[in-house]
Amino acid sequence: MELQVIAYARNGFSQKFGIPRQSREESCIETHIIFAPAYRVREALRGIEDYSHLWLLWGFSQSEQFKGERPKLKDDGLDWSPTVRPPRLGGNKRIGVFATRSPFRPNPIGLTSVKLLRVEDTKEEGVVLVVSGADLLDGTPIYDIKPYLTFSDSHPNAKSGFAEATQNYHLEVQVNEELLREALKDGCPWNAIKEILSQDPRPAYQNDSKRVYHVDYADWEVSFIVEIATVCIKNIARKSEN
């Protein structure tokens, strides 16, 4: 079966580090779904405004497995790993790949629920879907879009395995007032950056309080350290200024 790329994600995530590990219901970060020319047909989206949320099926385009073909057979079985090491478990404990949302899968396909904010008709790119809560890299290929249905897709009493232990985990974000003031004058998307940092983009096995991390979002780069449960921002600047 050959999959067609119907659209691409456009947002400020130019690198994997910093992308939310899961989609988020309440997020100020917007992603634009830009359709490929062959699928810029307004009729294909007739009625989509009646839904508040959507499902996106997409490809892990930066994964090593993203080759557009099935895993090849070897003498000892398929060329894939049946277990992975989730970052939230410290990167040491192995879990079955089908019990995780790891990008390292036999078929590098992702599934994300997003909130539909609005539908825009543009001159250059046709109809564009603006969504929030997407855990996608800029340029991620999208294979399909489906409506989210509350009566069949929502299961309030469902269990979430090992992910339940960290679902509400977040860090406090601290920044020098003068540094933030100057960044805001220059158009810094502070709310989005604060949201990214509060979710702790570090792998769980990295907890050196002296290590300086760097995360990019849109045209901005932020350097920070983490002390206990607090993100301490060292610098915020446009990439061209660094």
Protein backbone atom coordinates (compact mmCIF):
# COMPACT_ATOMS: atom_id res chain seq x y z
CA MET A 1 0.00 0.00 0.00
CA GLU A 2 1.38 3.38 -0.96
CA LEU A 3 0.45 6.32 1.27
CA GLN A 4 -0.03 9.79 -0.15
CA VAL A 5 1.17 12.84 1.77
CA ILE A 6 -1.89 15.09 1.82
CA ALA A 7 -0.48 17.91 3.94
CA TYR A 8 2.42 19.18 6.03
CA ALA A 9 2.65 20.70 9.50
CA ARG A 10 4.00 24.21 9.85
CA ASN A 11 4.99 25.59 13.23
CA GLY A 12 8.00 26.86 15.17
CA PHE A 13 9.55 23.47 16.02
CA SER A 14 12.67 23.25 13.86
CA GLN A 15 14.26 20.49 15.96
CA LYS A 16 12.99 17.47 17.89
CA PHE A 17 14.27 18.78 21.24
CA GLY A 18 11.45 20.78 22.81
CA ILE A 19 8.52 19.23 20.95
CA PRO A 20 5.78 18.16 23.40
CA ARG A 21 5.91 14.41 24.02
CA GLN A 22 2.14 14.15 23.59
CA SER A 23 -0.61 16.36 22.25
CA ARG A 24 -2.04 18.80 24.79
CA GLU A 25 -5.66 19.88 25.15
CA GLU A 26 -4.80 23.35 26.47
CA SER A 27 -1.94 24.76 24.43
CA CYS A 28 -1.17 28.23 23.11
CA ILE A 29 1.10 26.81 20.39
CA GLU A 30 -0.51 26.87 16.96
CA THR A 31 0.26 24.56 14.05
CA HIS A 32 -0.87 25.25 10.50
CA ILE A 33 -1.86 22.26 8.37
CA ILE A 34 -0.79 23.14 4.82
CA PHE A 35 -2.29 20.88 2.16
CA ALA A 36 -0.28 19.56 -0.76
CA PRO A 37 -1.37 21.19 -4.06
CA ALA A 38 -3.36 18.15 -5.21
CA TYR A 39 -5.44 18.22 -2.00
CA ARG A 40 -6.19 21.93 -1.78
CA VAL A 41 -9.85 21.28 -2.44
CA ARG A 42 -12.25 23.22 -0.25
CA GLU A 43 -15.00 20.66 -0.79
CA ALA A 44 -12.89 17.99 0.92
CA LEU A 45 -13.26 19.98 4.17
CA ARG A 46 -16.96 20.72 3.92
CA GLY A 47 -18.42 20.45 7.43
CA ILE A 48 -15.11 20.26 9.26
CA GLU A 49 -15.88 23.49 11.17
CA ASP A 50 -18.61 21.55 13.00
CA TYR A 51 -15.93 19.57 14.89
CA SER A 52 -13.88 20.91 17.78
CA HIS A 53 -11.10 18.30 17.56
CA LEU A 54 -9.44 16.24 14.85
CA TRP A 55 -7.20 13.18 14.51
CA LEU A 56 -4.01 13.54 12.49
CA LEU A 57 -2.20 10.50 11.07
CA TRP A 58 1.37 11.43 10.22
CA GLY A 59 4.91 10.16 9.68
CA PHE A 60 7.95 10.27 11.99
CA SER A 61 9.97 11.92 9.24
CA GLN A 62 13.15 12.24 11.33
CA SER A 63 13.10 8.63 12.49
CA GLU A 64 15.66 6.18 11.13
CA GLN A 65 12.79 3.91 10.14
CA PHE A 66 11.30 6.54 7.82
CA LYS A 67 12.21 4.81 4.55
CA GLY A 68 8.84 4.32 2.91
CA GLU A 69 9.12 0.52 2.87
CA ARG A 70 8.35 -2.42 5.14
CA PRO A 71 10.96 -3.87 7.53
CA LYS A 72 12.99 -6.56 5.78
CA LEU A 73 13.11 -10.16 6.96
CA LYS A 74 16.32 -11.45 8.53
CA ASP A 75 17.36 -14.95 9.58
CA ASP A 76 16.29 -14.25 13.16
CA GLY A 77 13.12 -12.35 12.32
CA LEU A 78 12.11 -8.83 11.34
CA ASP A 79 14.65 -6.02 11.37
CA TRP A 80 13.07 -4.05 14.22
CA SER A 81 13.25 -3.88 18.00
CA PRO A 82 10.28 -5.26 19.99
CA THR A 83 11.16 -3.06 22.98
CA VAL A 84 12.08 0.61 23.44
CA ARG A 85 13.30 2.79 26.31
CA PRO A 86 10.82 5.62 27.03
CA PRO A 87 12.58 8.85 28.11
CA ARG A 88 10.09 9.43 30.93
CA LEU A 89 11.22 6.17 32.53
CA GLY A 90 14.81 7.37 32.65
CA GLY A 91 15.88 5.83 29.36
CA ASN A 92 16.91 2.58 31.06
CA LYS A 93 13.72 0.54 31.46
CA ARG A 94 12.49 -1.31 28.38
CA ILE A 95 8.81 -1.43 27.41
CA GLY A 96 7.16 -3.21 24.51
CA VAL A 97 7.06 -0.93 21.48
CA PHE A 98 3.31 -1.46 21.06
CA ALA A 99 2.79 -0.32 24.68
CA THR A 100 4.42 3.05 23.94
CA ARG A 101 4.20 5.93 21.51
CA SER A 102 7.88 5.75 20.62
CA PRO A 103 8.85 6.93 17.09
CA PHE A 104 11.01 3.81 16.67
CA ARG A 105 8.37 1.47 15.27
CA PRO A 106 8.04 -1.08 12.46
CA ASN A 107 6.01 1.50 10.58
CA PRO A 108 6.88 5.11 11.57
CA ILE A 109 3.29 6.33 11.81
CA GLY A 110 2.06 8.74 14.49
CA LEU A 111 -1.44 9.57 15.73
CA THR A 112 -2.32 12.90 17.35
CA SER A 113 -5.53 14.52 18.52
CA VAL A 114 -5.62 18.29 18.06
CA LYS A 115 -8.02 21.13 18.73
CA LEU A 116 -9.33 22.85 15.60
CA LEU A 117 -9.03 26.59 16.14
CA ARG A 118 -10.11 27.88 12.74
CA VAL A 119 -10.16 27.26 9.00
CA GLU A 120 -8.42 29.87 6.86
CA ASP A 121 -8.78 30.43 3.13
CA THR A 122 -5.48 31.79 1.82
CA LYS A 123 -4.47 32.99 -1.62
CA GLU A 124 -1.07 31.29 -1.72
CA GLU A 125 -1.79 27.93 -0.04
CA GLY A 126 -5.53 27.44 -0.34
CA VAL A 127 -7.47 26.27 2.67
CA VAL A 128 -5.39 25.92 5.85
CA LEU A 129 -6.35 24.28 9.14
CA VAL A 130 -5.07 26.03 12.26
CA VAL A 131 -4.86 23.67 15.23
CA SER A 132 -3.39 23.60 18.72
CA GLY A 133 -1.95 20.78 20.80
CA ALA A 134 0.08 19.17 18.00
CA ASP A 135 3.27 17.31 18.95
CA LEU A 136 4.72 17.63 15.45
CA LEU A 137 7.98 18.86 13.98
CA ASP A 138 7.79 21.61 11.37
CA GLY A 139 7.44 19.93 7.98
CA THR A 140 5.96 16.68 9.31
CA PRO A 141 4.07 14.83 6.53
CA ILE A 142 0.40 14.17 7.24
CA TYR A 143 -1.34 11.19 5.66
CA ASP A 144 -4.92 11.63 6.82
CA ILE A 145 -7.27 13.81 8.87
CA LYS A 146 -10.32 12.46 10.63
CA PRO A 147 -12.87 14.03 12.99
CA TYR A 148 -12.64 13.29 16.72
CA LEU A 149 -15.93 11.85 18.01
CA THR A 150 -16.72 12.22 21.70
CA PHE A 151 -19.16 9.30 21.85
CA SER A 152 -16.65 6.78 20.48
CA ASP A 153 -13.16 8.25 20.94
CA SER A 154 -13.42 9.47 24.54
CA HIS A 155 -12.99 6.94 27.36
CA PRO A 156 -12.89 8.81 30.70
CA ASN A 157 -12.21 5.67 32.75
CA ALA A 158 -9.39 4.37 30.56
CA LYS A 159 -5.98 3.54 32.08
CA SER A 160 -2.80 5.11 30.69
CA GLY A 161 -0.12 2.68 31.85
CA PHE A 162 3.23 4.12 32.90
CA ALA A 163 2.30 7.51 31.37
CA GLU A 164 -0.19 8.22 34.17
CA ALA A 165 2.62 8.85 36.63
CA THR A 166 3.91 11.86 34.67
CA GLN A 167 0.79 13.24 33.02
CA ASN A 168 0.68 16.31 35.31
CA TYR A 169 4.45 16.76 35.58
CA HIS A 170 5.66 20.28 34.91
CA LEU A 171 8.40 22.69 35.93
CA GLU A 172 8.28 26.26 37.14
CA VAL A 173 9.87 28.70 34.69
CA GLN A 174 11.93 31.63 35.98
CA VAL A 175 13.44 34.43 33.90
CA ASN A 176 15.08 37.77 34.63
CA GLU A 177 12.49 40.52 34.23
CA GLU A 178 14.79 42.79 32.23
CA LEU A 179 15.77 39.95 29.88
CA LEU A 180 12.12 39.09 29.30
CA ARG A 181 11.14 42.72 28.82
CA GLU A 182 13.70 43.19 26.06
CA ALA A 183 12.70 39.93 24.38
CA LEU A 184 9.03 40.88 24.40
CA LYS A 185 9.86 44.23 22.79
CA ASP A 186 11.44 42.25 19.95
CA GLY A 187 8.35 40.06 19.47
CA CYS A 188 9.35 37.01 21.49
CA PRO A 189 6.57 34.33 21.56
CA TRP A 190 6.95 34.05 25.33
CA ASN A 191 3.78 32.10 26.08
CA ALA A 192 4.78 29.34 23.67
CA ILE A 193 8.36 29.21 24.96
CA LYS A 194 7.17 29.11 28.57
CA GLU A 195 4.81 26.23 27.76
CA ILE A 196 7.60 24.25 26.07
CA LEU A 197 10.00 24.69 28.97
CA SER A 198 7.41 23.93 31.66
CA GLN A 199 6.91 20.48 30.11
CA ASP A 200 10.63 19.73 30.64
CA PRO A 201 12.07 18.85 27.21
CA ARG A 202 15.06 17.03 28.75
CA PRO A 203 15.32 13.23 28.69
CA ALA A 204 14.61 11.91 32.18
CA TYR A 205 18.14 10.56 32.54
CA GLN A 206 19.66 14.05 32.17
CA ASN A 207 19.46 15.81 35.54
CA ASP A 208 22.74 17.72 35.80
CA SER A 209 21.82 21.08 37.35
CA LYS A 210 24.92 22.68 35.81
CA ARG A 211 24.27 21.60 32.25
CA VAL A 212 23.10 24.35 29.92
CA TYR A 213 20.41 23.27 27.45
CA HIS A 214 19.32 25.04 24.28
CA VAL A 215 15.90 24.91 22.69
CA ASP A 216 14.76 26.58 19.46
CA TYR A 217 11.27 27.79 18.73
CA ALA A 218 10.39 29.84 15.66
CA ASP A 219 13.19 32.42 15.23
CA TRP A 220 14.24 32.24 18.87
CA GLU A 221 16.80 30.30 20.85
CA VAL A 222 16.60 29.88 24.61
CA SER A 223 19.37 28.64 26.88
CA PHE A 224 18.49 27.34 30.33
CA ILE A 225 19.44 25.12 33.25
CA VAL A 226 17.16 23.08 35.50
CA GLU A 227 17.55 23.23 39.26
CA ILE A 228 15.35 20.73 41.09
CA ALA A 229 11.91 21.55 39.63
CA THR A 230 12.67 24.98 38.19
CA VAL A 231 13.78 26.08 34.74
CA CYS A 232 16.18 29.01 35.05
CA ILE A 233 16.50 30.86 31.75
CA LYS A 234 19.98 32.16 30.98
CA ASN A 235 19.29 33.87 27.69
CA ILE A 236 16.54 34.52 25.13
CA ALA A 237 17.53 35.88 21.73
CA ARG A 238 16.71 35.70 18.06
CA LYS A 239 18.85 33.11 16.32
CA SER A 240 20.47 35.72 14.10
CA GLU A 241 21.63 37.61 17.19
CA ASN A 242 23.46 34.67 18.79
